[in-house]
Every structure is written in C-alpha cells, then in structure tokens.
Protein backbone atom coordinates (compact mmCIF):
# COMPACT_ATOMS: atom_id res chain seq x y z
CA UNK A 1 0.34 0.02 0.00
CA UNK A 2 1.87 3.21 -1.32
CA UNK A 3 0.90 6.22 1.17
CA UNK A 4 2.07 9.82 -0.15
CA UNK A 5 2.27 13.17 0.94
CA UNK A 6 0.90 15.75 -1.14
CA UNK A 7 2.25 19.33 -0.27
CA UNK A 8 -0.24 22.00 -1.98
CA UNK A 9 1.63 25.52 -2.85
CA UNK A 10 1.95 28.21 -5.29
CA UNK A 11 3.41 31.28 -6.08
CA UNK A 12 -0.25 33.43 -6.36
CA UNK A 13 -1.17 33.57 -2.47
CA UNK A 14 -3.81 36.16 -2.42
CA UNK A 15 -2.46 37.97 1.39
CA UNK A 16 1.28 37.10 0.70
CA UNK A 17 2.27 36.29 -2.90
CA UNK A 18 5.31 34.40 -3.35
CA UNK A 19 5.21 33.26 0.41
CA UNK A 20 6.59 29.75 -0.22
CA UNK A 21 9.67 30.64 -1.41
CA UNK A 22 10.37 33.25 0.90
CA UNK A 23 13.61 32.55 2.60
CA UNK A 24 13.61 31.57 6.24
CA UNK A 25 16.59 30.69 7.96
CA UNK A 26 18.61 30.48 4.62
CA UNK A 27 16.28 28.18 3.03
CA UNK A 28 13.05 28.51 1.31
CA UNK A 29 9.95 28.18 3.20
CA UNK A 30 8.64 25.20 1.20
CA UNK A 31 12.01 23.42 1.91
CA UNK A 32 11.53 23.70 5.43
CA UNK A 33 7.88 21.61 4.84
CA UNK A 34 9.47 19.02 2.91
CA UNK A 35 12.22 17.95 5.33
CA UNK A 36 9.33 17.97 8.21
CA UNK A 37 7.28 16.39 6.08
CA UNK A 38 9.70 13.65 5.36
CA UNK A 39 11.19 13.26 9.06
CA UNK A 40 8.00 12.20 9.74
CA UNK A 41 9.21 8.63 8.42
CA UNK A 42 6.17 7.08 6.76
CA UNK A 43 5.75 7.95 3.01
CA UNK A 44 6.60 6.26 0.29
CA UNK A 45 6.82 9.54 -1.73
CA UNK A 46 6.58 13.49 -1.36
CA UNK A 47 4.83 15.65 -4.11
CA UNK A 48 4.64 19.23 -4.30
CA UNK A 49 1.72 19.55 -6.12
CA UNK A 50 1.36 23.53 -7.65
CA UNK A 51 -0.57 24.87 -10.50
CA UNK A 52 0.35 24.62 -14.66
CA UNK A 53 -0.04 28.68 -14.29
CA UNK A 54 3.48 30.31 -15.64
CA UNK A 55 3.69 32.08 -12.09
CA UNK A 56 4.57 28.49 -10.42
CA UNK A 57 7.42 27.71 -12.80
CA UNK A 58 9.90 28.74 -10.10
CA UNK A 59 8.10 26.07 -7.78
CA UNK A 60 8.93 23.52 -10.49
CA UNK A 61 12.41 24.61 -10.96
CA UNK A 62 12.97 24.19 -7.31
CA UNK A 63 11.74 20.81 -6.64
CA UNK A 64 13.69 19.76 -9.22
CA UNK A 65 16.78 21.42 -7.60
CA UNK A 66 15.86 19.41 -4.88
CA UNK A 67 14.86 16.60 -6.70
CA UNK A 68 11.07 15.90 -4.92
CA UNK A 69 8.75 15.24 -7.81
CA UNK A 70 6.17 18.12 -9.00
CA UNK A 71 3.16 17.71 -10.34
CA UNK A 72 1.31 20.86 -11.98
CA UNK A 73 -2.49 20.69 -12.25
CA UNK A 74 -5.11 23.38 -11.94
CA UNK A 75 -4.51 26.93 -10.60
CA UNK A 76 -7.78 27.07 -8.66
CA UNK A 77 -9.95 23.44 -8.83
CA UNK A 78 -7.00 22.31 -6.16
CA UNK A 79 -9.42 19.39 -5.26
CA UNK A 80 -8.81 17.90 -8.85
CA UNK A 81 -4.92 18.86 -8.66
CA UNK A 82 -4.93 16.83 -5.46
CA UNK A 83 -6.56 13.72 -7.37
CA UNK A 84 -4.54 13.86 -10.53
CA UNK A 85 -1.63 14.25 -8.67
CA UNK A 86 -2.78 11.09 -6.83
CA UNK A 87 -3.68 9.17 -9.45
CA UNK A 88 -0.45 9.90 -11.28
CA UNK A 89 1.80 9.03 -8.21
CA UNK A 90 -0.20 5.59 -7.94
CA UNK A 91 -1.03 6.71 -4.24
CA UNK A 92 -3.04 4.35 -2.21
CA UNK A 93 -3.46 6.59 0.84
CA UNK A 94 -2.73 10.36 0.52
CA UNK A 95 -2.22 12.94 3.32
CA UNK A 96 -3.13 16.24 2.95
CA UNK A 97 -0.42 19.06 4.08
CA UNK A 98 0.21 22.71 2.72
CA UNK A 99 2.98 24.82 2.19
CA UNK A 100 2.48 27.46 4.10
CA UNK A 101 3.26 25.46 7.44
CA UNK A 102 7.24 25.84 7.75
CA UNK A 103 6.62 24.41 11.72
CA UNK A 104 4.66 20.93 10.88
CA UNK A 105 5.58 18.35 13.52
CA UNK A 106 6.56 15.09 12.16
CA UNK A 107 5.15 13.63 15.44
CA UNK A 108 1.55 14.85 14.94
CA UNK A 109 1.77 13.59 10.93
CA UNK A 110 2.20 10.02 12.26
CA UNK A 111 -0.14 10.37 14.54
CA UNK A 112 -2.22 11.11 11.86
CA UNK A 113 -1.58 8.25 9.42
CA UNK A 114 -1.52 5.63 11.94
CA UNK A 115 -4.99 6.58 12.85
CA UNK A 116 -5.84 5.70 9.16
CA UNK A 117 -4.82 2.58 9.54
CA UNK A 118 -7.73 1.97 11.91
CA UNK A 119 -9.76 1.81 8.79
CA UNK A 120 -10.75 5.26 8.56
CA UNK A 121 -11.86 6.98 5.30
CA UNK A 122 -10.56 10.51 6.60
CA UNK A 123 -8.44 11.55 9.69
CA UNK A 124 -7.41 15.10 10.25
CA UNK A 125 -6.63 17.37 13.44
CA UNK A 126 -8.28 20.39 12.47
CA UNK A 127 -11.96 19.42 12.86
CA UNK A 128 -12.09 20.68 16.15
CA UNK A 129 -9.39 22.36 16.34
CA UNK A 130 -6.43 22.06 19.67
CA UNK A 131 -3.70 22.22 17.86
CA UNK A 132 -2.33 25.44 16.67
CA UNK A 133 -3.12 26.61 13.07
CA UNK A 134 0.36 25.38 11.41
CA UNK A 135 0.05 21.73 12.73
CA UNK A 136 -2.82 21.19 9.97
CA UNK A 137 -2.48 17.15 8.55
CA UNK A 138 -5.35 15.38 7.14
CA UNK A 139 -5.06 11.93 5.63
CA UNK A 140 -7.53 9.49 3.42
CA UNK A 141 -7.43 7.29 0.97
CA UNK A 142 -7.65 7.23 -2.59
CA UNK A 143 -10.88 5.76 -2.83
CA UNK A 144 -12.11 8.86 -0.54
CA UNK A 145 -10.88 11.48 -2.79
CA UNK A 146 -12.16 9.68 -5.74
CA UNK A 147 -15.75 10.38 -4.40
CA UNK A 148 -14.98 13.95 -2.93
CA UNK A 149 -13.54 14.87 -6.65
CA UNK A 150 -16.98 13.28 -8.39
CA UNK A 151 -19.23 14.61 -5.82
CA UNK A 152 -17.83 18.33 -4.85
CA UNK A 153 -19.22 21.32 -6.80
CA UNK A 154 -18.75 24.08 -4.44
CA UNK A 155 -15.93 26.43 -5.36
CA UNK A 156 -14.98 26.40 -1.61
CA UNK A 157 -15.38 22.49 -1.55
CA UNK A 158 -12.94 22.95 -5.18
CA UNK A 159 -10.40 24.98 -3.64
CA UNK A 160 -10.39 23.86 -0.27
CA UNK A 161 -10.16 19.80 -0.80
CA UNK A 162 -12.23 18.57 1.90
CA UNK A 163 -14.52 20.49 3.27
CA UNK A 164 -17.23 18.07 1.03
CA UNK A 165 -15.98 15.36 3.49
CA UNK A 166 -17.00 16.98 7.17
CA UNK A 167 -19.88 18.23 5.58
CA UNK A 168 -21.12 15.27 5.38
CA UNK A 169 -20.45 13.16 8.15
CA UNK A 170 -23.01 10.67 7.21
CA UNK A 171 -20.83 9.31 4.04
CA UNK A 172 -17.33 9.32 5.04
CA UNK A 173 -15.85 7.34 9.04
CA UNK A 174 -14.25 10.19 10.47
CA UNK A 175 -11.64 10.61 12.50
CA UNK A 176 -10.53 13.53 14.85
CA UNK A 177 -7.21 13.63 16.27
CA UNK A 178 -6.81 15.97 19.26
CA UNK A 179 -5.04 16.72 22.30
CA UNK A 180 -5.50 17.33 25.83
CA UNK A 181 -4.27 20.65 25.60
CA UNK A 182 -6.06 23.41 23.70
CA UNK A 183 -3.51 25.13 22.18
CA UNK A 184 -5.86 26.53 19.11
CA UNK A 185 -5.86 29.69 19.48
CA UNK A 186 -2.36 29.97 18.99
CA UNK A 187 -0.53 30.63 14.99
CA UNK A 188 1.77 28.76 13.32
CA UNK A 189 1.13 29.16 9.92
CA UNK A 190 2.13 32.11 6.98
CA UNK A 191 -0.67 34.06 5.61
CA UNK A 192 0.61 37.66 6.32
CA UNK A 193 3.99 39.13 6.43
CA UNK A 194 3.30 39.29 10.54
CA UNK A 195 3.28 35.12 10.19
CA UNK A 196 6.67 35.19 8.27
CA UNK A 197 8.11 37.73 10.75
CA UNK A 198 6.88 34.83 14.05
CA UNK A 199 8.33 32.02 12.20
CA UNK A 200 11.67 33.68 11.30
CA UNK A 201 11.92 34.38 14.77
CA UNK A 202 11.09 31.07 15.94
CA UNK A 203 13.76 29.73 13.56
CA UNK A 204 16.38 31.92 14.90
CA UNK A 205 15.75 31.09 18.24
CA UNK A 206 15.86 26.94 17.48
CA UNK A 207 18.06 26.67 14.67
CA UNK A 208 16.94 24.71 11.51
CA UNK A 209 16.36 21.16 12.44
CA UNK A 210 13.22 19.83 12.76
CA UNK A 211 12.30 20.92 16.34
CA UNK A 212 8.32 20.04 17.89
CA UNK A 213 5.58 21.33 18.94
CA UNK A 214 6.66 21.68 22.78
CA UNK A 215 10.35 23.32 22.13
CA UNK A 216 8.45 26.07 20.44
CA UNK A 217 5.89 26.25 23.34
CA UNK A 218 8.97 26.47 25.85
CA UNK A 219 10.27 29.19 23.24
CA UNK A 220 7.29 31.17 23.39
CA UNK A 221 7.11 30.55 27.32
CA UNK A 222 10.10 32.18 27.41
CA UNK A 223 10.06 34.97 24.86
CA UNK A 224 6.18 35.66 25.01
CA UNK A 225 6.83 38.76 22.69
CA UNK A 226 7.61 36.16 19.69
CA UNK A 227 4.21 34.73 20.04
CA UNK A 228 2.32 38.88 19.67
CA UNK A 229 4.48 39.21 16.05
CA UNK A 230 1.24 37.64 14.67
CA UNK A 231 -1.59 38.02 17.16
CA UNK A 232 -5.15 39.05 16.35
CA UNK A 233 -4.83 37.57 12.10
CA UNK A 234 -8.32 36.31 11.39
CA UNK A 235 -7.91 32.23 11.17
CA UNK A 236 -10.58 32.15 8.36
CA UNK A 237 -10.06 35.08 6.01
CA UNK A 238 -9.39 32.48 3.12
CA UNK A 239 -12.29 29.75 3.82
CA UNK A 240 -14.89 33.05 4.17
CA UNK A 241 -13.73 33.80 1.01
CA UNK A 242 -14.48 31.12 -0.76
CA UNK A 243 -18.19 30.50 1.07
CA UNK A 244 -18.84 34.05 -0.71
CA UNK A 245 -18.15 32.75 -4.10
CA UNK A 246 -20.52 29.79 -3.07
CA UNK A 247 -23.20 32.15 -2.52
CA UNK A 248 -22.36 33.96 -6.06
CA UNK A 249 -21.95 29.92 -7.79
CA UNK A 250 -25.41 28.72 -6.40
CA UNK A 251 -29.24 30.36 -5.62
CA UNK A 252 -29.70 31.44 -1.79
CA UNK A 253 -32.27 28.70 -1.45
CA UNK A 254 -29.39 25.81 -2.83
CA UNK A 255 -26.77 27.13 -0.31
C-alpha cells in the first residue's frame, strides 16, 4: 500500500504572494515543509502539487533542484489538482499538507497516518481544533478522494479539497485527532507578513532543525514577545472568501 504526502502550494497567494519560497533561516519556506514531512518517516513518496500557471514555474524549478517530484495542475480547482496528482503517483493513501506551514510536526503527521490504519476514510487534527493552526494534517484513501472529486461542486469544496467530507459526516468514517490541552488560538502558519516574521523569529531561536511543538511552546513561554508578532489575524479569512464565492455560484435557496 503506497502512502504519499502531497504538499499543495502556489506562488499566487492572495495575501502574501510568493510566500512559499520566502527565506527562513537560509532556506525557502517550502524546503522546511518538505524536510519536516519527510521526517515523519511514513511516506513512500513526497510530492509538491502546484499549478500549471507560469507563475509557478519557480516552484517546479525549486523541486527539480531539490529532487522532489512536482505535479502541476489546476490553479484554482485544487481538489482536481490533488486527485490527478494522487492518481499519477499511484497512491493508495494520501496525506494532505500545505506549503505555508513551515512548523509542521512530524509527530503529529505520524499520529494522523497511524489513525488511518484503523480503517477510517478520513483523519484530521483540524476539525475541532486543539492544535495550533499550522500543524494541520489530513489523511484519506484514494477511494475517498475519488468520491469527493466526483461529488463536490461548490467553489469552496474545490479550492479547499476536503470540506465536502466533513460537511457530510454520514457518508464517511471520520476520525478526529485532538490533544488534551487546547492550543487552537496559536497561529503557526504563514498567510501574512506578520506570520512570516513570527516563523523567522522561531527559527532564529531554535535553529533550522526539525524541532517539535513542545519546543516551540517552551520558546514562546520564555519569549512571549515572539507570539505577539502575529496575534489578532483572522484565521478563517481565506475560507470565508471561498464561501462568498459559493453564494455567487448557487441561488440562496440551495446554499
């Protein structure tokens, strides 16, 4: 059974264009994501899925330089990009990660993958969030992805890949991964310049190795000024914009 990590990313971010190749501790942001994904040591292959738009030629060039497979597909229909990337790789199981999360924790990734072994259709640590935003990990079978690809219609479902699953819990066997301490208010992803400033500050203090959630928490306890760098950013702005596109896509009675 082939397990593939697919990391989605593009240069044309709405809020911080080019963020996935921004420098952090001497390496592009995407390089840190790939390194942390591989450190989970659960994958037969790690793939970057970007768009076929010319703006993402630099992503392909980076992947070639790093000897990482790069699949190119739809710019806006990210669900189709994922499905085609998964099929082309021969994946049986897919772990969905995003290229704007340079603090991904390999321990969390392993937990999500191992839970999928319990014969669930979909496993995530981001449904009822207890982990910091930026450690988001989702896993599902190719069969699950194919069902979603066939049935999802709304723009938000096509752009964000998995909403159709958790909006239809009676259709899928879903497993949530949570932790005892709720750290959902912490923000460790990169959507805006302040997020990038935060991540750079973390790497400056902890070095460019694969450190984990607990080490970051200890750092923030000792240096609360770092955590304040990106406080107050709306965590749902991107998804809310997609829901607004849904409103234009369907008559109000069908929303």
